[in-house]
Amino acid sequence: MCVKKIWIAPEDRVKRSDARVCALEEKVELGDVGATIVADRLTQLEKKLI
């Protein structure tokens, strides 16, 4: 029983860490999409000025 508890604790930590990493990856992807949209819009505005 004691060995099982010791083994489950690291697995739980890994699961929580994976969830945090996934959430951060999603935020980074959203940031990349937002940056691309802003860059495209900036390019469009620059073309209008020229």
C-alpha atoms as a PDB file:
ATOM      1  CA  MET A   1       0.000   0.000   0.000  1.00  0.00           C
ATOM      2  CA  CYS A   2       2.790   2.406   0.865  1.00  0.00           C
ATOM      3  CA  VAL A   3       4.583   1.766  -2.439  1.00  0.00           C
ATOM      4  CA  LYS A   4       1.376   2.456  -4.349  1.00  0.00           C
ATOM      5  CA  LYS A   5       0.978   5.842  -2.653  1.00  0.00           C
ATOM      6  CA  ILE A   6       4.576   6.735  -3.438  1.00  0.00           C
ATOM      7  CA  TRP A   7       4.061   5.839  -7.112  1.00  0.00           C
ATOM      8  CA  ILE A   8       0.734   7.673  -7.460  1.00  0.00           C
ATOM      9  CA  ALA A   9       2.065  10.959  -6.051  1.00  0.00           C
ATOM     10  CA  PRO A  10       4.567  11.562  -8.897  1.00  0.00           C
ATOM     11  CA  GLU A  11       1.935  10.547 -11.471  1.00  0.00           C
ATOM     12  CA  ASP A  12      -0.468  13.136 -10.063  1.00  0.00           C
ATOM     13  CA  ARG A  13       2.231  15.787 -10.208  1.00  0.00           C
ATOM     14  CA  VAL A  14       3.006  14.887 -13.809  1.00  0.00           C
ATOM     15  CA  LYS A  15      -0.679  15.152 -14.738  1.00  0.00           C
ATOM     16  CA  ARG A  16      -0.964  18.578 -13.113  1.00  0.00           C
ATOM     17  CA  SER A  17       2.249  19.743 -14.767  1.00  0.00           C
ATOM     18  CA  ASP A  18       1.023  18.502 -18.149  1.00  0.00           C
ATOM     19  CA  ALA A  19      -2.225  20.416 -17.688  1.00  0.00           C
ATOM     20  CA  ARG A  20      -0.296  23.601 -16.890  1.00  0.00           C
ATOM     21  CA  VAL A  21       1.982  23.127 -19.894  1.00  0.00           C
ATOM     22  CA  CYS A  22      -1.013  22.584 -22.186  1.00  0.00           C
ATOM     23  CA  ALA A  23      -2.662  25.746 -20.894  1.00  0.00           C
ATOM     24  CA  LEU A  24       0.528  27.731 -21.472  1.00  0.00           C
ATOM     25  CA  GLU A  25       0.923  26.298 -24.972  1.00  0.00           C
ATOM     26  CA  GLU A  26      -2.626  27.392 -25.814  1.00  0.00           C
ATOM     27  CA  LYS A  27      -1.907  30.908 -24.565  1.00  0.00           C
ATOM     28  CA  VAL A  28       1.294  31.069 -26.610  1.00  0.00           C
ATOM     29  CA  GLU A  29      -0.552  29.904 -29.726  1.00  0.00           C
ATOM     30  CA  LEU A  30      -3.236  32.543 -29.184  1.00  0.00           C
ATOM     31  CA  GLY A  31      -0.518  35.154 -28.752  1.00  0.00           C
ATOM     32  CA  ASP A  32       1.109  34.044 -31.999  1.00  0.00           C
ATOM     33  CA  VAL A  33      -2.204  34.309 -33.824  1.00  0.00           C
ATOM     34  CA  GLY A  34      -2.783  37.767 -32.369  1.00  0.00           C
ATOM     35  CA  ALA A  35       0.703  38.901 -33.349  1.00  0.00           C
ATOM     36  CA  THR A  36       0.155  37.647 -36.894  1.00  0.00           C
ATOM     37  CA  ILE A  37      -3.141  39.520 -37.161  1.00  0.00           C
ATOM     38  CA  VAL A  38      -1.529  42.729 -35.918  1.00  0.00           C
ATOM     39  CA  ALA A  39       1.406  42.322 -38.312  1.00  0.00           C
ATOM     40  CA  ASP A  40      -0.952  41.762 -41.255  1.00  0.00           C
ATOM     41  CA  ARG A  41      -3.030  44.794 -40.328  1.00  0.00           C
ATOM     42  CA  LEU A  42       0.103  46.910 -39.997  1.00  0.00           C
ATOM     43  CA  THR A  43       1.232  45.792 -43.449  1.00  0.00           C
ATOM     44  CA  GLN A  44      -2.163  46.746 -44.882  1.00  0.00           C
ATOM     45  CA  LEU A  45      -1.993  50.189 -43.286  1.00  0.00           C
ATOM     46  CA  GLU A  46       1.549  50.733 -44.563  1.00  0.00           C
ATOM     47  CA  LYS A  47       0.426  49.877 -48.100  1.00  0.00           C
ATOM     48  CA  LYS A  48      -2.414  52.414 -47.841  1.00  0.00           C
ATOM     49  CA  LEU A  49       0.037  55.140 -46.826  1.00  0.00           C
ATOM     50  CA  ILE A  50       2.352  54.472 -49.765  1.00  0.00           C
END
